[in-house]
Amino acid sequence: MGHVVSPLILISVFSILMVLTIVTVAVTKIDFGYNANLIVALSIALVKAVLVVMYFMHLRYDNLLYTAIVALCLLFIAVFIGMTIIDSGQYAPILTPRVVPT
């Protein structure tokens, strides 16, 4: 059974997504620290993805089981990305400044 969402809600969600896109671009200009920039960017992306899934894909009005499945998938993706980020530090080359004699 389909669900009709009012245009006001869709326009509101679209406006929030546009604001979050501007915030994402603005955050790139600020240095939060070593890994904090990545965490902030992924957090904003997660909020935007949840808004799209909940309202534009009508998951908010669907069966709770589908919401749990999508949440579990997002959790696994976050765990896999987090483990990759943690592990990538082990293989990054150690950069030392090279002194060139004059």
N, C-alpha and C. Protein backbone atom coordinates (compact mmCIF):
# COMPACT_ATOMS: atom_id res chain seq x y z
N MET A 1 0.85 -1.17 0.00
CA MET A 1 0.00 0.00 0.00
C MET A 1 0.90 1.25 0.00
N GLY A 2 0.61 2.15 -0.91
CA GLY A 2 1.42 3.35 -1.02
C GLY A 2 1.04 4.40 0.01
N HIS A 3 1.95 5.31 0.21
CA HIS A 3 1.71 6.40 1.15
C HIS A 3 2.01 7.71 0.45
N VAL A 4 1.12 8.65 0.59
CA VAL A 4 1.29 9.96 -0.04
C VAL A 4 1.86 10.92 1.00
N VAL A 5 2.98 11.52 0.65
CA VAL A 5 3.64 12.48 1.53
C VAL A 5 3.33 13.87 1.00
N SER A 6 3.01 14.76 1.90
CA SER A 6 2.65 16.11 1.47
C SER A 6 3.87 16.82 0.87
N PRO A 7 3.62 17.67 -0.12
CA PRO A 7 4.73 18.40 -0.73
C PRO A 7 5.49 19.28 0.26
N LEU A 8 4.80 19.77 1.28
CA LEU A 8 5.48 20.61 2.28
C LEU A 8 6.57 19.83 3.00
N ILE A 9 6.30 18.57 3.34
CA ILE A 9 7.32 17.75 4.01
C ILE A 9 8.48 17.49 3.06
N LEU A 10 8.18 17.16 1.81
CA LEU A 10 9.25 16.88 0.85
C LEU A 10 10.10 18.11 0.59
N ILE A 11 9.48 19.25 0.48
CA ILE A 11 10.24 20.49 0.26
C ILE A 11 11.07 20.83 1.50
N SER A 12 10.52 20.58 2.68
CA SER A 12 11.27 20.83 3.92
C SER A 12 12.49 19.92 4.01
N VAL A 13 12.32 18.65 3.70
CA VAL A 13 13.45 17.72 3.74
C VAL A 13 14.49 18.10 2.68
N PHE A 14 14.02 18.48 1.50
CA PHE A 14 14.94 18.93 0.46
C PHE A 14 15.73 20.16 0.92
N SER A 15 15.06 21.09 1.58
CA SER A 15 15.74 22.29 2.08
C SER A 15 16.79 21.93 3.13
N ILE A 16 16.44 21.00 4.01
CA ILE A 16 17.41 20.55 5.02
C ILE A 16 18.61 19.90 4.35
N LEU A 17 18.37 19.10 3.32
CA LEU A 17 19.47 18.47 2.59
C LEU A 17 20.37 19.50 1.92
N MET A 18 19.78 20.55 1.39
CA MET A 18 20.59 21.61 0.77
C MET A 18 21.43 22.35 1.82
N VAL A 19 20.83 22.62 2.96
CA VAL A 19 21.58 23.28 4.04
C VAL A 19 22.72 22.38 4.50
N LEU A 20 22.46 21.09 4.65
CA LEU A 20 23.52 20.17 5.08
C LEU A 20 24.62 20.05 4.02
N THR A 21 24.26 20.19 2.75
CA THR A 21 25.28 20.18 1.70
C THR A 21 26.17 21.41 1.82
N ILE A 22 25.58 22.56 2.09
CA ILE A 22 26.36 23.78 2.29
C ILE A 22 27.23 23.65 3.53
N VAL A 23 26.70 23.05 4.60
CA VAL A 23 27.49 22.82 5.81
C VAL A 23 28.66 21.89 5.52
N THR A 24 28.43 20.87 4.70
CA THR A 24 29.52 19.95 4.34
C THR A 24 30.65 20.68 3.63
N VAL A 25 30.29 21.56 2.71
CA VAL A 25 31.32 22.33 2.00
C VAL A 25 32.02 23.29 2.96
N ALA A 26 31.26 23.91 3.86
CA ALA A 26 31.86 24.85 4.81
C ALA A 26 32.80 24.15 5.80
N VAL A 27 32.47 22.93 6.15
CA VAL A 27 33.29 22.18 7.11
C VAL A 27 34.66 21.86 6.53
N THR A 28 34.75 21.75 5.21
CA THR A 28 36.05 21.45 4.60
C THR A 28 37.05 22.59 4.80
N LYS A 29 36.57 23.78 5.09
CA LYS A 29 37.45 24.94 5.29
C LYS A 29 37.98 25.02 6.73
N ILE A 30 37.44 24.19 7.62
CA ILE A 30 37.82 24.23 9.04
C ILE A 30 38.63 22.98 9.36
N ASP A 31 39.71 23.16 10.11
CA ASP A 31 40.53 22.02 10.53
C ASP A 31 40.14 21.63 11.95
N PHE A 32 39.52 20.48 12.10
CA PHE A 32 39.09 20.00 13.41
C PHE A 32 40.13 19.12 14.09
N GLY A 33 41.14 18.74 13.37
CA GLY A 33 42.14 17.85 13.96
C GLY A 33 42.42 16.68 13.03
N TYR A 34 43.17 15.74 13.54
CA TYR A 34 43.68 14.64 12.72
C TYR A 34 42.57 13.84 12.04
N ASN A 35 41.73 13.18 12.79
CA ASN A 35 40.66 12.36 12.22
C ASN A 35 39.28 12.99 12.38
N ALA A 36 39.20 14.11 13.04
CA ALA A 36 37.90 14.71 13.32
C ALA A 36 37.21 15.21 12.05
N ASN A 37 37.97 15.69 11.07
CA ASN A 37 37.36 16.15 9.82
C ASN A 37 36.62 15.02 9.13
N LEU A 38 37.22 13.85 9.13
CA LEU A 38 36.58 12.70 8.51
C LEU A 38 35.33 12.29 9.28
N ILE A 39 35.40 12.33 10.58
CA ILE A 39 34.25 11.96 11.41
C ILE A 39 33.10 12.94 11.20
N VAL A 40 33.41 14.23 11.14
CA VAL A 40 32.37 15.24 10.92
C VAL A 40 31.74 15.07 9.54
N ALA A 41 32.57 14.86 8.51
CA ALA A 41 32.05 14.70 7.15
C ALA A 41 31.18 13.45 7.04
N LEU A 42 31.61 12.35 7.63
CA LEU A 42 30.82 11.13 7.58
C LEU A 42 29.54 11.25 8.39
N SER A 43 29.58 11.99 9.47
CA SER A 43 28.37 12.19 10.27
C SER A 43 27.32 12.98 9.50
N ILE A 44 27.75 14.03 8.82
CA ILE A 44 26.82 14.82 8.02
C ILE A 44 26.27 13.96 6.87
N ALA A 45 27.13 13.17 6.25
CA ALA A 45 26.68 12.29 5.16
C ALA A 45 25.68 11.26 5.67
N LEU A 46 25.90 10.77 6.88
CA LEU A 46 24.97 9.80 7.46
C LEU A 46 23.60 10.42 7.70
N VAL A 47 23.58 11.64 8.22
CA VAL A 47 22.31 12.33 8.45
C VAL A 47 21.58 12.55 7.13
N LYS A 48 22.32 12.95 6.09
CA LYS A 48 21.69 13.16 4.79
C LYS A 48 21.16 11.85 4.22
N ALA A 49 21.90 10.78 4.36
CA ALA A 49 21.45 9.48 3.86
C ALA A 49 20.20 9.00 4.59
N VAL A 50 20.16 9.22 5.89
CA VAL A 50 18.97 8.82 6.66
C VAL A 50 17.75 9.62 6.22
N LEU A 51 17.92 10.91 5.98
CA LEU A 51 16.80 11.74 5.52
C LEU A 51 16.28 11.26 4.16
N VAL A 52 17.19 10.96 3.25
CA VAL A 52 16.78 10.49 1.93
C VAL A 52 16.03 9.17 2.04
N VAL A 53 16.59 8.24 2.82
CA VAL A 53 15.96 6.92 2.95
C VAL A 53 14.61 7.03 3.65
N MET A 54 14.53 7.83 4.69
CA MET A 54 13.29 7.90 5.46
C MET A 54 12.16 8.60 4.71
N TYR A 55 12.45 9.68 3.99
CA TYR A 55 11.38 10.45 3.38
C TYR A 55 11.22 10.23 1.88
N PHE A 56 12.31 10.26 1.13
CA PHE A 56 12.17 10.11 -0.32
C PHE A 56 11.98 8.66 -0.73
N MET A 57 12.45 7.71 0.08
CA MET A 57 12.22 6.29 -0.20
C MET A 57 11.09 5.73 0.67
N HIS A 58 10.41 6.59 1.41
CA HIS A 58 9.22 6.28 2.20
C HIS A 58 9.43 5.19 3.25
N LEU A 59 10.65 5.06 3.75
CA LEU A 59 10.90 4.04 4.77
C LEU A 59 10.26 4.40 6.10
N ARG A 60 10.03 5.67 6.32
CA ARG A 60 9.42 6.12 7.58
C ARG A 60 8.00 5.58 7.73
N TYR A 61 7.34 5.37 6.62
CA TYR A 61 5.94 4.94 6.65
C TYR A 61 5.79 3.45 6.36
N ASP A 62 6.91 2.73 6.26
CA ASP A 62 6.86 1.31 5.92
C ASP A 62 7.01 0.45 7.17
N ASN A 63 7.12 -0.83 6.97
CA ASN A 63 7.24 -1.81 8.04
C ASN A 63 8.51 -1.55 8.86
N LEU A 64 8.43 -1.75 10.16
CA LEU A 64 9.57 -1.53 11.05
C LEU A 64 10.73 -2.49 10.75
N LEU A 65 10.42 -3.65 10.22
CA LEU A 65 11.47 -4.61 9.87
C LEU A 65 12.41 -4.03 8.82
N TYR A 66 11.87 -3.34 7.85
CA TYR A 66 12.71 -2.74 6.81
C TYR A 66 13.61 -1.65 7.38
N THR A 67 13.10 -0.90 8.32
CA THR A 67 13.90 0.12 8.99
C THR A 67 15.06 -0.52 9.75
N ALA A 68 14.78 -1.63 10.42
CA ALA A 68 15.83 -2.33 11.16
C ALA A 68 16.88 -2.90 10.22
N ILE A 69 16.46 -3.41 9.07
CA ILE A 69 17.42 -3.96 8.10
C ILE A 69 18.33 -2.85 7.56
N VAL A 70 17.76 -1.72 7.21
CA VAL A 70 18.57 -0.60 6.70
C VAL A 70 19.51 -0.08 7.78
N ALA A 71 19.03 0.03 9.02
CA ALA A 71 19.88 0.48 10.12
C ALA A 71 21.03 -0.49 10.35
N LEU A 72 20.76 -1.78 10.28
CA LEU A 72 21.81 -2.78 10.46
C LEU A 72 22.84 -2.70 9.34
N CYS A 73 22.38 -2.48 8.12
CA CYS A 73 23.31 -2.33 6.99
C CYS A 73 24.19 -1.10 7.17
N LEU A 74 23.60 0.01 7.59
CA LEU A 74 24.39 1.22 7.82
C LEU A 74 25.40 1.03 8.95
N LEU A 75 25.00 0.28 9.97
CA LEU A 75 25.92 -0.01 11.07
C LEU A 75 27.11 -0.83 10.57
N PHE A 76 26.85 -1.85 9.76
CA PHE A 76 27.94 -2.66 9.23
C PHE A 76 28.86 -1.84 8.33
N ILE A 77 28.29 -0.96 7.52
CA ILE A 77 29.11 -0.11 6.67
C ILE A 77 29.99 0.79 7.53
N ALA A 78 29.43 1.36 8.59
CA ALA A 78 30.22 2.21 9.49
C ALA A 78 31.34 1.42 10.16
N VAL A 79 31.06 0.19 10.56
CA VAL A 79 32.09 -0.64 11.19
C VAL A 79 33.19 -0.95 10.18
N PHE A 80 32.82 -1.31 8.96
CA PHE A 80 33.83 -1.63 7.95
C PHE A 80 34.69 -0.42 7.60
N ILE A 81 34.07 0.75 7.45
CA ILE A 81 34.84 1.96 7.16
C ILE A 81 35.74 2.30 8.35
N GLY A 82 35.21 2.18 9.56
CA GLY A 82 36.02 2.46 10.75
C GLY A 82 37.21 1.53 10.88
N MET A 83 37.00 0.25 10.64
CA MET A 83 38.11 -0.70 10.71
C MET A 83 39.16 -0.42 9.63
N THR A 84 38.71 -0.01 8.45
CA THR A 84 39.64 0.33 7.38
C THR A 84 40.46 1.56 7.75
N ILE A 85 39.82 2.54 8.34
CA ILE A 85 40.53 3.76 8.74
C ILE A 85 41.55 3.44 9.83
N ILE A 86 41.15 2.62 10.79
CA ILE A 86 42.09 2.25 11.86
C ILE A 86 43.27 1.47 11.30
N ASP A 87 43.00 0.56 10.37
CA ASP A 87 44.05 -0.30 9.83
C ASP A 87 44.95 0.43 8.85
N SER A 88 44.44 1.46 8.17
CA SER A 88 45.24 2.14 7.16
C SER A 88 46.44 2.88 7.76
N GLY A 89 46.39 3.23 9.02
CA GLY A 89 47.52 3.88 9.67
C GLY A 89 48.73 2.97 9.81
N GLN A 90 48.50 1.67 9.81
CA GLN A 90 49.60 0.72 9.93
C GLN A 90 50.44 0.63 8.66
N TYR A 91 49.82 0.93 7.53
CA TYR A 91 50.52 0.76 6.26
C TYR A 91 50.95 2.07 5.63
N ALA A 92 50.62 3.17 6.24
CA ALA A 92 51.01 4.47 5.70
C ALA A 92 52.51 4.67 5.89
N PRO A 93 53.18 5.14 4.87
CA PRO A 93 54.62 5.36 5.02
C PRO A 93 54.89 6.50 6.00
N ILE A 94 55.97 6.36 6.72
CA ILE A 94 56.37 7.41 7.64
C ILE A 94 57.15 8.45 6.85
N LEU A 95 56.61 9.64 6.81
CA LEU A 95 57.23 10.69 6.02
C LEU A 95 58.14 11.53 6.91
N THR A 96 59.36 11.63 6.52
CA THR A 96 60.31 12.48 7.25
C THR A 96 60.79 13.55 6.28
N PRO A 97 60.99 14.74 6.79
CA PRO A 97 61.47 15.79 5.88
C PRO A 97 62.88 15.48 5.39
N ARG A 98 63.07 15.66 4.12
CA ARG A 98 64.36 15.40 3.52
C ARG A 98 65.15 16.69 3.46
N VAL A 99 66.33 16.66 4.02
CA VAL A 99 67.18 17.85 4.04
C VAL A 99 68.10 17.80 2.83
N VAL A 100 68.00 18.82 2.03
CA VAL A 100 68.83 18.89 0.83
C VAL A 100 70.02 19.79 1.14
N PRO A 101 71.25 19.25 0.99
CA PRO A 101 72.43 20.11 1.29
C PRO A 101 72.54 21.24 0.26
N THR A 102 72.94 22.38 0.76
CA THR A 102 73.08 23.55 -0.12
C THR A 102 74.52 23.84 -0.43
